[in-house]
C-alpha cells in the first residue's frame, strides 16, 4: 500500500509539481491550498506524512503544525522560503520533524521524507522495542506515555523522543549536534539552544525521582542518561 502524503501549500504550481514528482516515486498524494483545508483533509485522510508550507491563508503553517501535533504524531516537514535560524526554531517548537527551505531540490526533499518516515517507524518493515523501564520511570513510545513514579506525565513529542534516545543508550554521552541530527533530524547551523531547553524541561519533570538514574550534563561535550551500576 502506497505511503500517503498530504501537501498543504497555497502555491498551486509548487503543489502540482510536488504531486507529479511524488506520485512518480510511488507516493499517494493529496493537495490542500490553505491551512483550513489542510486541517480538514488531514483529519479526513489521516496521511502518513504532511508537507506543510509556512505562509498560507486561513491559518499559517505553524498554527496548522501545532494543531496536528496536538492530535497526532504524524511526521511533518515544513516548507518555507525563510532560512533564518529563528524560523527553524519556531517550526520545531511547533512540533515539526524537519524543515526544508525553498527553493529545494526534489531529491533532497525525498531523502528527508524517507529519513523522517524511518525515524517514525512508518514504512519500515521491522519494529524495535519502544518501551524503556527504569526505577520509577517508564518511557513508552508506542503509547507515547511518560510515566514517572507511577503517574502519567504530559510531555511534548520532542521531549519524549529526546529522553527515549538518551535512555536507549544508558551512560553514553551525546553532543548537542548528535542529538539535533538524530532526534530532530537535520542541522541547526550550530544553534543548540533547543536541546538545552528540552533537557531543562525534562529535568524539571525528572528531578529527585530516583537515585538510580539521572539526566546528566557532560560539560563541554553534551548530555547522557546516567544509570548507576549495581
C-alpha atoms as a PDB file:
ATOM      1  CA  UNK A   1       0.000   0.000   0.000  1.00  0.00           C
ATOM      2  CA  UNK A   2       1.381   3.389  -1.006  1.00  0.00           C
ATOM      3  CA  UNK A   3       2.535   5.800   1.684  1.00  0.00           C
ATOM      4  CA  UNK A   4       0.088   8.731   1.785  1.00  0.00           C
ATOM      5  CA  UNK A   5       1.331  12.328   1.769  1.00  0.00           C
ATOM      6  CA  UNK A   6      -0.722  15.470   2.360  1.00  0.00           C
ATOM      7  CA  UNK A   7       0.784  18.568   0.715  1.00  0.00           C
ATOM      8  CA  UNK A   8      -0.507  21.813   2.252  1.00  0.00           C
ATOM      9  CA  UNK A   9       0.816  24.592   0.013  1.00  0.00           C
ATOM     10  CA  UNK A  10      -1.007  27.649  -1.389  1.00  0.00           C
ATOM     11  CA  UNK A  11       1.242  27.947  -4.455  1.00  0.00           C
ATOM     12  CA  UNK A  12      -0.538  25.699  -6.956  1.00  0.00           C
ATOM     13  CA  UNK A  13       2.488  25.415  -9.236  1.00  0.00           C
ATOM     14  CA  UNK A  14       4.635  24.082  -6.382  1.00  0.00           C
ATOM     15  CA  UNK A  15       1.815  21.798  -5.194  1.00  0.00           C
ATOM     16  CA  UNK A  16       1.256  20.266  -8.599  1.00  0.00           C
ATOM     17  CA  UNK A  17       4.987  19.826  -9.160  1.00  0.00           C
ATOM     18  CA  UNK A  18       5.296  18.039  -5.812  1.00  0.00           C
ATOM     19  CA  UNK A  19       2.317  15.849  -6.631  1.00  0.00           C
ATOM     20  CA  UNK A  20       3.733  14.895 -10.020  1.00  0.00           C
ATOM     21  CA  UNK A  21       7.158  14.054  -8.612  1.00  0.00           C
ATOM     22  CA  UNK A  22       5.986  12.188  -5.520  1.00  0.00           C
ATOM     23  CA  UNK A  23       3.387  10.136  -7.394  1.00  0.00           C
ATOM     24  CA  UNK A  24       6.117   9.145  -9.829  1.00  0.00           C
ATOM     25  CA  UNK A  25       8.084   7.904  -6.776  1.00  0.00           C
ATOM     26  CA  UNK A  26       5.119   5.799  -5.656  1.00  0.00           C
ATOM     27  CA  UNK A  27       3.512   8.008  -3.015  1.00  0.00           C
ATOM     28  CA  UNK A  28      -0.232   8.681  -2.803  1.00  0.00           C
ATOM     29  CA  UNK A  29      -0.578  12.483  -2.757  1.00  0.00           C
ATOM     30  CA  UNK A  30      -3.441  14.752  -1.650  1.00  0.00           C
ATOM     31  CA  UNK A  31      -3.291  18.540  -2.065  1.00  0.00           C
ATOM     32  CA  UNK A  32      -4.664  21.338   0.127  1.00  0.00           C
ATOM     33  CA  UNK A  33      -4.253  25.033  -0.665  1.00  0.00           C
ATOM     34  CA  UNK A  34      -4.729  26.774   2.683  1.00  0.00           C
ATOM     35  CA  UNK A  35      -4.351  25.979   6.364  1.00  0.00           C
ATOM     36  CA  UNK A  36      -8.043  25.365   6.985  1.00  0.00           C
ATOM     37  CA  UNK A  37      -8.364  22.955   4.086  1.00  0.00           C
ATOM     38  CA  UNK A  38      -5.162  21.288   5.199  1.00  0.00           C
ATOM     39  CA  UNK A  39      -6.549  20.537   8.668  1.00  0.00           C
ATOM     40  CA  UNK A  40      -9.842  19.249   7.237  1.00  0.00           C
ATOM     41  CA  UNK A  41      -8.099  16.906   4.827  1.00  0.00           C
ATOM     42  CA  UNK A  42      -5.649  15.775   7.490  1.00  0.00           C
ATOM     43  CA  UNK A  43      -8.495  14.751   9.795  1.00  0.00           C
ATOM     44  CA  UNK A  44     -10.390  13.042   6.992  1.00  0.00           C
ATOM     45  CA  UNK A  45      -7.454  11.187   5.431  1.00  0.00           C
ATOM     46  CA  UNK A  46      -5.005  10.601   8.336  1.00  0.00           C
ATOM     47  CA  UNK A  47      -1.980  10.635   5.975  1.00  0.00           C
ATOM     48  CA  UNK A  48       1.375   9.037   6.760  1.00  0.00           C
ATOM     49  CA  UNK A  49       3.278  12.323   6.297  1.00  0.00           C
ATOM     50  CA  UNK A  50       2.498  16.046   5.886  1.00  0.00           C
ATOM     51  CA  UNK A  51       4.443  18.558   3.778  1.00  0.00           C
ATOM     52  CA  UNK A  52       3.424  21.920   5.211  1.00  0.00           C
ATOM     53  CA  UNK A  53       4.047  25.419   3.887  1.00  0.00           C
ATOM     54  CA  UNK A  54       4.528  28.180   6.470  1.00  0.00           C
ATOM     55  CA  UNK A  55       2.986  31.281   4.854  1.00  0.00           C
ATOM     56  CA  UNK A  56      -0.603  30.420   3.882  1.00  0.00           C
ATOM     57  CA  UNK A  57      -4.089  31.953   4.019  1.00  0.00           C
ATOM     58  CA  UNK A  58      -6.741  30.998   6.635  1.00  0.00           C
ATOM     59  CA  UNK A  59      -4.142  29.517   9.022  1.00  0.00           C
ATOM     60  CA  UNK A  60      -0.350  29.664   8.767  1.00  0.00           C
ATOM     61  CA  UNK A  61       1.809  26.556   8.807  1.00  0.00           C
ATOM     62  CA  UNK A  62       2.937  26.974  12.411  1.00  0.00           C
ATOM     63  CA  UNK A  63      -0.692  27.048  13.592  1.00  0.00           C
ATOM     64  CA  UNK A  64      -1.560  24.025  11.474  1.00  0.00           C
ATOM     65  CA  UNK A  65       1.520  22.185  12.736  1.00  0.00           C
ATOM     66  CA  UNK A  66       0.632  22.814  16.400  1.00  0.00           C
ATOM     67  CA  UNK A  67      -2.954  21.683  15.796  1.00  0.00           C
ATOM     68  CA  UNK A  68      -1.898  18.481  14.044  1.00  0.00           C
ATOM     69  CA  UNK A  69       0.686  17.722  16.703  1.00  0.00           C
ATOM     70  CA  UNK A  70      -1.910  18.094  19.447  1.00  0.00           C
ATOM     71  CA  UNK A  71      -3.956  15.379  17.727  1.00  0.00           C
ATOM     72  CA  UNK A  72      -1.396  13.083  16.135  1.00  0.00           C
ATOM     73  CA  UNK A  73       2.257  12.038  15.885  1.00  0.00           C
ATOM     74  CA  UNK A  74       2.141  12.052  12.071  1.00  0.00           C
ATOM     75  CA  UNK A  75       5.526  13.308  10.780  1.00  0.00           C
ATOM     76  CA  UNK A  76       5.547  16.883   9.453  1.00  0.00           C
ATOM     77  CA  UNK A  77       8.115  18.562   7.197  1.00  0.00           C
ATOM     78  CA  UNK A  78       7.842  22.357   6.942  1.00  0.00           C
ATOM     79  CA  UNK A  79       8.308  24.023   3.547  1.00  0.00           C
ATOM     80  CA  UNK A  80       9.264  27.690   3.641  1.00  0.00           C
ATOM     81  CA  UNK A  81      11.055  30.443   1.808  1.00  0.00           C
ATOM     82  CA  UNK A  82      12.597  31.623   5.070  1.00  0.00           C
ATOM     83  CA  UNK A  83      16.006  30.376   6.147  1.00  0.00           C
ATOM     84  CA  UNK A  84      16.678  32.224   9.404  1.00  0.00           C
ATOM     85  CA  UNK A  85      17.523  30.077  12.424  1.00  0.00           C
ATOM     86  CA  UNK A  86      14.689  31.586  14.490  1.00  0.00           C
ATOM     87  CA  UNK A  87      12.154  30.400  11.911  1.00  0.00           C
ATOM     88  CA  UNK A  88      13.578  26.910  12.153  1.00  0.00           C
ATOM     89  CA  UNK A  89      13.374  27.026  15.940  1.00  0.00           C
ATOM     90  CA  UNK A  90       9.737  28.160  15.699  1.00  0.00           C
ATOM     91  CA  UNK A  91       8.909  25.334  13.321  1.00  0.00           C
ATOM     92  CA  UNK A  92      10.468  22.690  15.520  1.00  0.00           C
ATOM     93  CA  UNK A  93       8.905  24.068  18.691  1.00  0.00           C
ATOM     94  CA  UNK A  94       5.565  23.810  16.888  1.00  0.00           C
ATOM     95  CA  UNK A  95       6.203  20.087  16.545  1.00  0.00           C
ATOM     96  CA  UNK A  96       7.702  19.758  13.062  1.00  0.00           C
ATOM     97  CA  UNK A  97      10.024  16.820  12.400  1.00  0.00           C
ATOM     98  CA  UNK A  98      12.083  18.538   9.709  1.00  0.00           C
ATOM     99  CA  UNK A  99      12.368  21.801   7.808  1.00  0.00           C
ATOM    100  CA  UNK A 100      13.403  22.488   4.212  1.00  0.00           C
ATOM    101  CA  UNK A 101      13.936  25.902   2.625  1.00  0.00           C
ATOM    102  CA  UNK A 102      12.635  26.854  -0.817  1.00  0.00           C
ATOM    103  CA  UNK A 103      13.844  26.530  -3.456  1.00  0.00           C
ATOM    104  CA  UNK A 104      14.826  22.925  -2.776  1.00  0.00           C
ATOM    105  CA  UNK A 105      15.925  20.011  -4.884  1.00  0.00           C
ATOM    106  CA  UNK A 106      13.303  17.279  -5.185  1.00  0.00           C
ATOM    107  CA  UNK A 107      15.938  14.645  -4.423  1.00  0.00           C
ATOM    108  CA  UNK A 108      16.764  16.372  -1.130  1.00  0.00           C
ATOM    109  CA  UNK A 109      13.080  16.549  -0.186  1.00  0.00           C
ATOM    110  CA  UNK A 110      12.643  12.867  -0.995  1.00  0.00           C
ATOM    111  CA  UNK A 111      15.658  11.962   1.142  1.00  0.00           C
ATOM    112  CA  UNK A 112      14.302  13.990   4.065  1.00  0.00           C
ATOM    113  CA  UNK A 113      10.891  12.354   3.719  1.00  0.00           C
ATOM    114  CA  UNK A 114      12.442   8.899   3.758  1.00  0.00           C
ATOM    115  CA  UNK A 115      14.563   9.778   6.798  1.00  0.00           C
ATOM    116  CA  UNK A 116      11.564  11.113   8.736  1.00  0.00           C
ATOM    117  CA  UNK A 117       9.494   8.054   7.863  1.00  0.00           C
ATOM    118  CA  UNK A 118      12.319   5.783   9.033  1.00  0.00           C
ATOM    119  CA  UNK A 119      12.634   7.663  12.313  1.00  0.00           C
ATOM    120  CA  UNK A 120       8.915   7.418  12.992  1.00  0.00           C
ATOM    121  CA  UNK A 121       8.866   3.725  12.016  1.00  0.00           C
ATOM    122  CA  UNK A 122       6.384   4.321   9.174  1.00  0.00           C
ATOM    123  CA  UNK A 123       7.179   2.454   6.018  1.00  0.00           C
ATOM    124  CA  UNK A 124       9.673   0.290   7.876  1.00  0.00           C
ATOM    125  CA  UNK A 125       9.176  -3.456   7.946  1.00  0.00           C
ATOM    126  CA  UNK A 126      10.818  -4.026  11.280  1.00  0.00           C
ATOM    127  CA  UNK A 127       9.679  -2.690  14.632  1.00  0.00           C
ATOM    128  CA  UNK A 128      12.014  -2.166  17.561  1.00  0.00           C
ATOM    129  CA  UNK A 129      11.477  -2.124  21.299  1.00  0.00           C
ATOM    130  CA  UNK A 130       9.755   1.160  22.012  1.00  0.00           C
ATOM    131  CA  UNK A 131       9.319   0.904  25.772  1.00  0.00           C
ATOM    132  CA  UNK A 132      12.061   1.522  28.327  1.00  0.00           C
ATOM    133  CA  UNK A 133      11.706   0.853  32.054  1.00  0.00           C
ATOM    134  CA  UNK A 134      13.866   2.147  34.883  1.00  0.00           C
ATOM    135  CA  UNK A 135      13.299   2.664  38.605  1.00  0.00           C
ATOM    136  CA  UNK A 136      10.106   4.776  38.877  1.00  0.00           C
ATOM    137  CA  UNK A 137      10.329   5.665  35.179  1.00  0.00           C
ATOM    138  CA  UNK A 138       8.637   4.253  32.056  1.00  0.00           C
ATOM    139  CA  UNK A 139       9.197   5.749  28.595  1.00  0.00           C
ATOM    140  CA  UNK A 140       6.616   4.166  26.283  1.00  0.00           C
ATOM    141  CA  UNK A 141       6.924   5.371  22.679  1.00  0.00           C
ATOM    142  CA  UNK A 142       4.230   3.010  21.412  1.00  0.00           C
ATOM    143  CA  UNK A 143       1.585   4.601  23.643  1.00  0.00           C
ATOM    144  CA  UNK A 144       3.560   7.885  23.719  1.00  0.00           C
ATOM    145  CA  UNK A 145       3.361   7.917  27.511  1.00  0.00           C
ATOM    146  CA  UNK A 146       5.839   9.107  30.109  1.00  0.00           C
ATOM    147  CA  UNK A 147       5.152   7.504  33.495  1.00  0.00           C
ATOM    148  CA  UNK A 148       7.043   8.939  36.457  1.00  0.00           C
ATOM    149  CA  UNK A 149       6.657   7.361  39.894  1.00  0.00           C
ATOM    150  CA  UNK A 150       3.504   5.594  38.740  1.00  0.00           C
ATOM    151  CA  UNK A 151       1.842   8.709  37.318  1.00  0.00           C
ATOM    152  CA  UNK A 152       1.381   9.623  33.656  1.00  0.00           C
ATOM    153  CA  UNK A 153       3.086  12.951  32.969  1.00  0.00           C
ATOM    154  CA  UNK A 154       2.328  15.105  29.944  1.00  0.00           C
ATOM    155  CA  UNK A 155       5.383  15.667  27.734  1.00  0.00           C
ATOM    156  CA  UNK A 156       5.634  17.147  24.226  1.00  0.00           C
ATOM    157  CA  UNK A 157       6.724  14.782  21.418  1.00  0.00           C
ATOM    158  CA  UNK A 158      10.283  16.070  21.154  1.00  0.00           C
ATOM    159  CA  UNK A 159      10.874  15.797  24.900  1.00  0.00           C
ATOM    160  CA  UNK A 160       9.696  12.177  24.725  1.00  0.00           C
ATOM    161  CA  UNK A 161      11.888  11.432  21.718  1.00  0.00           C
ATOM    162  CA  UNK A 162      14.949  13.093  23.269  1.00  0.00           C
ATOM    163  CA  UNK A 163      14.575  11.230  26.555  1.00  0.00           C
ATOM    164  CA  UNK A 164      13.941   7.924  24.789  1.00  0.00           C
ATOM    165  CA  UNK A 165      17.001   8.402  22.581  1.00  0.00           C
ATOM    166  CA  UNK A 166      19.295   9.184  25.514  1.00  0.00           C
ATOM    167  CA  UNK A 167      17.871   6.424  27.715  1.00  0.00           C
ATOM    168  CA  UNK A 168      18.164   3.855  24.910  1.00  0.00           C
ATOM    169  CA  UNK A 169      21.946   4.006  25.380  1.00  0.00           C
ATOM    170  CA  UNK A 170      22.499   4.498  29.124  1.00  0.00           C
ATOM    171  CA  UNK A 171      25.753   6.245  30.122  1.00  0.00           C
ATOM    172  CA  UNK A 172      26.630   7.113  26.535  1.00  0.00           C
ATOM    173  CA  UNK A 173      27.481  10.780  26.023  1.00  0.00           C
ATOM    174  CA  UNK A 174      25.929  12.587  23.052  1.00  0.00           C
ATOM    175  CA  UNK A 175      26.922  16.005  21.754  1.00  0.00           C
ATOM    176  CA  UNK A 176      24.224  18.581  21.083  1.00  0.00           C
ATOM    177  CA  UNK A 177      24.829  18.274  17.352  1.00  0.00           C
ATOM    178  CA  UNK A 178      24.395  14.495  17.504  1.00  0.00           C
ATOM    179  CA  UNK A 179      21.106  14.941  19.331  1.00  0.00           C
ATOM    180  CA  UNK A 180      19.920  17.541  16.832  1.00  0.00           C
ATOM    181  CA  UNK A 181      20.764  15.205  13.979  1.00  0.00           C
ATOM    182  CA  UNK A 182      19.260  12.063  15.499  1.00  0.00           C
ATOM    183  CA  UNK A 183      16.198  13.465  17.260  1.00  0.00           C
ATOM    184  CA  UNK A 184      15.330  16.478  15.134  1.00  0.00           C
ATOM    185  CA  UNK A 185      16.862  15.050  12.002  1.00  0.00           C
ATOM    186  CA  UNK A 186      18.695  17.978  10.475  1.00  0.00           C
ATOM    187  CA  UNK A 187      21.411  20.543  11.042  1.00  0.00           C
ATOM    188  CA  UNK A 188      20.645  23.614  13.160  1.00  0.00           C
ATOM    189  CA  UNK A 189      23.574  25.599  11.759  1.00  0.00           C
ATOM    190  CA  UNK A 190      25.344  25.279  15.098  1.00  0.00           C
ATOM    191  CA  UNK A 191      22.422  26.546  17.205  1.00  0.00           C
ATOM    192  CA  UNK A 192      21.948  24.102  20.071  1.00  0.00           C
ATOM    193  CA  UNK A 193      19.576  26.157  22.220  1.00  0.00           C
ATOM    194  CA  UNK A 194      16.649  23.879  21.557  1.00  0.00           C
ATOM    195  CA  UNK A 195      18.476  20.839  23.004  1.00  0.00           C
ATOM    196  CA  UNK A 196      19.294  22.763  26.182  1.00  0.00           C
ATOM    197  CA  UNK A 197      15.702  23.957  26.513  1.00  0.00           C
ATOM    198  CA  UNK A 198      14.308  20.437  26.126  1.00  0.00           C
ATOM    199  CA  UNK A 199      16.803  18.980  28.613  1.00  0.00           C
ATOM    200  CA  UNK A 200      15.901  21.702  31.142  1.00  0.00           C
ATOM    201  CA  UNK A 201      12.194  20.893  30.809  1.00  0.00           C
ATOM    202  CA  UNK A 202      12.863  17.181  31.183  1.00  0.00           C
ATOM    203  CA  UNK A 203      14.934  17.783  34.309  1.00  0.00           C
ATOM    204  CA  UNK A 204      12.046  19.699  35.865  1.00  0.00           C
ATOM    205  CA  UNK A 205       9.905  16.586  35.415  1.00  0.00           C
ATOM    206  CA  UNK A 206      12.563  14.041  36.474  1.00  0.00           C
ATOM    207  CA  UNK A 207      14.308  15.805  39.363  1.00  0.00           C
ATOM    208  CA  UNK A 208      14.743  13.752  42.550  1.00  0.00           C
ATOM    209  CA  UNK A 209      12.609  10.853  41.291  1.00  0.00           C
ATOM    210  CA  UNK A 210      15.235   8.115  41.709  1.00  0.00           C
ATOM    211  CA  UNK A 211      18.838   7.862  42.914  1.00  0.00           C
ATOM    212  CA  UNK A 212      19.489   5.124  40.340  1.00  0.00           C
ATOM    213  CA  UNK A 213      19.452   7.296  37.209  1.00  0.00           C
ATOM    214  CA  UNK A 214      19.673  10.935  36.143  1.00  0.00           C
ATOM    215  CA  UNK A 215      19.899  13.200  33.130  1.00  0.00           C
ATOM    216  CA  UNK A 216      23.472  14.477  33.278  1.00  0.00           C
ATOM    217  CA  UNK A 217      25.328  17.335  31.619  1.00  0.00           C
ATOM    218  CA  UNK A 218      28.835  16.445  30.493  1.00  0.00           C
ATOM    219  CA  UNK A 219      30.392  19.898  30.480  1.00  0.00           C
ATOM    220  CA  UNK A 220      31.927  20.910  27.188  1.00  0.00           C
ATOM    221  CA  UNK A 221      30.512  17.848  25.443  1.00  0.00           C
ATOM    222  CA  UNK A 222      26.763  17.266  25.788  1.00  0.00           C
ATOM    223  CA  UNK A 223      24.353  15.054  27.703  1.00  0.00           C
ATOM    224  CA  UNK A 224      23.837  11.495  28.857  1.00  0.00           C
ATOM    225  CA  UNK A 225      21.238   9.410  30.665  1.00  0.00           C
ATOM    226  CA  UNK A 226      23.306   8.087  33.550  1.00  0.00           C
ATOM    227  CA  UNK A 227      22.349   4.802  35.169  1.00  0.00           C
ATOM    228  CA  UNK A 228      24.208   3.674  38.296  1.00  0.00           C
ATOM    229  CA  UNK A 229      25.598   0.169  38.039  1.00  0.00           C
ATOM    230  CA  UNK A 230      24.680  -2.485  40.556  1.00  0.00           C
END
